[in-house]
Amino acid sequence: MIDRTELSRLWQAILRTDPHRLFGRDAERLAQRPGSGDELPQPGFVGPSYRLGGVLFMGKNPGKGAVPHNALEEAHIRALRNLQSAGPDSLLTSFEALTEDLTRIMSAWDIVRNYVRPIISRADMDLDSIAYLNLLKWRSDAEPTMSMFRRSWQAHTNDQFHQLRPPSS
């Protein structure tokens, strides 16, 4: 069984990561649009029905360019901020609220619509039973460096991978 309390702690630690400290000068490559939520890393998604050894999709990073601000994106940013600032008593509840918001908005993402959905529908699965992570957790305006990917892996993505224990080839 997946320990969602441990996941919530790791997701919160990711949200509290200072990208300037993690990436140094490379942090200049990250998107920094005021009021957009760009300062928030995107820790990822673990469906409520995900089981250890389940299907994990790994993306590069949340992408480039501006994200359209709509009610779903605003709810997502709020959920990320709530988890970031949650105390011990509300940590798991905040994590599950983020999961619920992501379950609704991921269907609008091109990567999910064009790649993830076709794969999981052929496997008779749904979003509730998968995990989706980005190696680099922040949006970027410039192409991320290999060093950024490596630092992100070492700082937290490796821990996420080990907690989720996807099948190895």
Protein backbone atom coordinates (compact mmCIF):
# COMPACT_ATOMS: atom_id res chain seq x y z
CA MET A 1 0.00 0.00 0.00
CA ILE A 2 1.22 3.48 -0.81
CA ASP A 3 1.88 5.71 2.18
CA ARG A 4 0.08 8.90 1.23
CA THR A 5 1.23 10.64 4.41
CA GLU A 6 4.85 10.13 3.34
CA LEU A 7 3.97 11.34 -0.15
CA SER A 8 2.36 14.46 1.29
CA ARG A 9 5.55 15.22 3.26
CA LEU A 10 7.70 14.82 0.17
CA TRP A 11 5.33 16.91 -1.99
CA GLN A 12 5.42 19.66 0.65
CA ALA A 13 9.23 19.54 0.79
CA ILE A 14 9.30 19.97 -2.99
CA LEU A 15 6.95 22.94 -2.76
CA ARG A 16 9.22 24.51 -0.17
CA THR A 17 12.34 24.10 -2.31
CA ASP A 18 14.09 27.33 -3.23
CA PRO A 19 14.95 26.97 -6.93
CA HIS A 20 17.71 29.59 -6.68
CA ARG A 21 19.42 27.56 -3.99
CA LEU A 22 18.92 24.31 -5.90
CA PHE A 23 19.92 25.51 -9.37
CA GLY A 24 22.11 28.54 -8.72
CA ARG A 25 22.46 30.73 -11.81
CA ASP A 26 20.49 28.22 -13.88
CA ALA A 27 17.37 29.31 -11.97
CA GLU A 28 17.26 32.27 -14.39
CA ARG A 29 15.97 29.77 -16.99
CA LEU A 30 12.80 29.20 -14.98
CA ALA A 31 9.59 31.05 -15.81
CA GLN A 32 8.93 34.00 -13.53
CA ARG A 33 5.68 35.65 -14.57
CA PRO A 34 4.25 37.62 -11.61
CA GLY A 35 0.96 36.27 -10.27
CA SER A 36 1.11 33.15 -12.46
CA GLY A 37 2.19 30.62 -9.84
CA ASP A 38 5.44 30.06 -11.77
CA GLU A 39 7.38 30.27 -8.52
CA LEU A 40 5.67 27.07 -7.40
CA PRO A 41 7.16 23.74 -8.40
CA GLN A 42 4.79 21.09 -9.71
CA PRO A 43 5.47 18.04 -7.50
CA GLY A 44 3.31 15.73 -9.59
CA PHE A 45 0.24 13.55 -9.30
CA VAL A 46 -0.47 10.24 -7.62
CA GLY A 47 -3.98 9.03 -8.27
CA PRO A 48 -6.06 7.97 -5.25
CA SER A 49 -6.12 4.38 -6.57
CA TYR A 50 -2.39 4.20 -7.37
CA ARG A 51 -0.71 1.08 -5.97
CA LEU A 52 2.98 0.43 -5.39
CA GLY A 53 4.54 -0.78 -8.60
CA GLY A 54 1.86 0.96 -10.66
CA VAL A 55 2.16 2.90 -13.88
CA LEU A 56 4.28 6.05 -13.58
CA PHE A 57 4.51 8.57 -16.40
CA MET A 58 7.58 10.79 -16.33
CA GLY A 59 7.65 14.11 -18.14
CA LYS A 60 10.51 16.51 -18.71
CA ASN A 61 9.07 19.59 -17.00
CA PRO A 62 5.75 21.47 -16.85
CA GLY A 63 6.70 23.25 -20.05
CA LYS A 64 7.27 26.66 -21.46
CA GLY A 65 5.07 29.62 -21.98
CA ALA A 66 2.17 31.14 -20.18
CA VAL A 67 -0.54 28.92 -18.81
CA PRO A 68 -4.05 30.18 -19.44
CA HIS A 69 -5.53 31.41 -16.20
CA ASN A 70 -8.90 29.82 -15.74
CA ALA A 71 -10.84 28.62 -12.70
CA LEU A 72 -9.16 25.20 -12.75
CA GLU A 73 -5.63 26.64 -12.89
CA GLU A 74 -6.48 29.09 -10.10
CA ALA A 75 -7.75 26.18 -7.98
CA HIS A 76 -4.56 24.28 -8.75
CA ILE A 77 -2.35 27.19 -7.65
CA ARG A 78 -4.42 27.57 -4.46
CA ALA A 79 -4.09 23.84 -3.74
CA LEU A 80 -0.32 24.00 -4.27
CA ARG A 81 -0.03 26.98 -1.92
CA ASN A 82 -2.24 25.28 0.69
CA LEU A 83 -0.04 22.20 0.67
CA GLN A 84 3.09 24.34 0.78
CA SER A 85 1.93 26.07 3.96
CA ALA A 86 0.01 23.19 5.59
CA GLY A 87 0.76 22.31 9.17
CA PRO A 88 1.10 18.72 10.37
CA ASP A 89 -2.63 18.45 11.15
CA SER A 90 -3.75 19.50 7.66
CA LEU A 91 -0.91 18.08 5.54
CA LEU A 92 -2.64 14.92 4.31
CA THR A 93 -5.94 16.75 3.71
CA SER A 94 -4.11 19.41 1.67
CA PHE A 95 -2.31 16.72 -0.34
CA GLU A 96 -5.60 14.96 -1.14
CA ALA A 97 -7.19 18.30 -2.13
CA LEU A 98 -4.31 18.86 -4.58
CA THR A 99 -4.84 15.34 -5.95
CA GLU A 100 -8.55 16.04 -6.42
CA ASP A 101 -7.84 19.30 -8.25
CA LEU A 102 -5.26 17.64 -10.49
CA THR A 103 -7.66 14.83 -11.34
CA ARG A 104 -9.99 17.47 -12.78
CA ILE A 105 -7.47 19.67 -14.60
CA MET A 106 -5.05 17.08 -15.99
CA SER A 107 -7.59 16.07 -18.62
CA ALA A 108 -7.14 19.51 -20.21
CA TRP A 109 -3.36 19.13 -20.49
CA ASP A 110 -2.07 18.38 -23.98
CA ILE A 111 0.36 15.76 -22.70
CA VAL A 112 -2.45 13.89 -20.96
CA ARG A 113 -4.91 14.25 -23.82
CA ASN A 114 -2.42 13.29 -26.55
CA TYR A 115 -0.27 10.67 -24.83
CA VAL A 116 -1.36 9.53 -21.37
CA ARG A 117 -5.09 9.01 -22.03
CA PRO A 118 -4.61 6.91 -25.20
CA ILE A 119 -2.15 4.65 -23.38
CA ILE A 120 -4.17 4.17 -20.22
CA SER A 121 -7.48 3.76 -22.06
CA ARG A 122 -6.02 0.85 -24.06
CA ALA A 123 -4.83 -0.66 -20.79
CA ASP A 124 -8.34 -0.19 -19.33
CA MET A 125 -7.02 2.21 -16.69
CA ASP A 126 -7.96 5.71 -15.64
CA LEU A 127 -6.11 8.68 -14.16
CA ASP A 128 -7.03 7.60 -10.62
CA SER A 129 -4.68 4.63 -10.86
CA ILE A 130 -1.54 6.24 -12.31
CA ALA A 131 1.20 8.58 -11.18
CA TYR A 132 2.65 11.44 -13.21
CA LEU A 133 5.86 13.25 -12.34
CA ASN A 134 8.08 15.76 -14.09
CA LEU A 135 11.81 15.36 -13.70
CA LEU A 136 12.18 19.14 -13.39
CA LYS A 137 9.34 20.55 -11.31
CA TRP A 138 9.29 24.15 -12.59
CA ARG A 139 8.11 25.77 -15.82
CA SER A 140 10.93 27.19 -17.88
CA ASP A 141 11.30 30.05 -20.32
CA ALA A 142 14.59 28.67 -21.66
CA GLU A 143 15.64 25.08 -22.25
CA PRO A 144 16.66 23.56 -18.90
CA THR A 145 20.25 22.40 -18.61
CA MET A 146 21.25 18.81 -17.94
CA SER A 147 22.60 20.03 -14.62
CA MET A 148 19.10 21.23 -13.66
CA PHE A 149 17.61 17.82 -14.44
CA ARG A 150 20.36 16.08 -12.47
CA ARG A 151 19.94 18.38 -9.46
CA SER A 152 16.17 17.96 -9.52
CA TRP A 153 16.56 14.16 -9.62
CA GLN A 154 18.99 14.21 -6.70
CA ALA A 155 16.94 16.69 -4.65
CA HIS A 156 13.56 14.97 -4.82
CA THR A 157 12.50 13.10 -7.98
CA ASN A 158 14.63 10.11 -7.00
CA ASP A 159 12.82 9.99 -3.64
CA GLN A 160 9.45 10.18 -5.39
CA PHE A 161 10.45 7.38 -7.75
CA HIS A 162 11.49 5.15 -4.86
CA GLN A 163 8.31 5.84 -2.88
CA LEU A 164 6.13 4.97 -5.89
CA ARG A 165 8.20 1.93 -6.91
CA PRO A 166 7.15 1.67 -10.55
CA PRO A 167 8.09 -1.58 -12.31
CA SER A 168 11.59 -1.67 -13.66
CA SER A 169 12.38 -3.00 -17.09
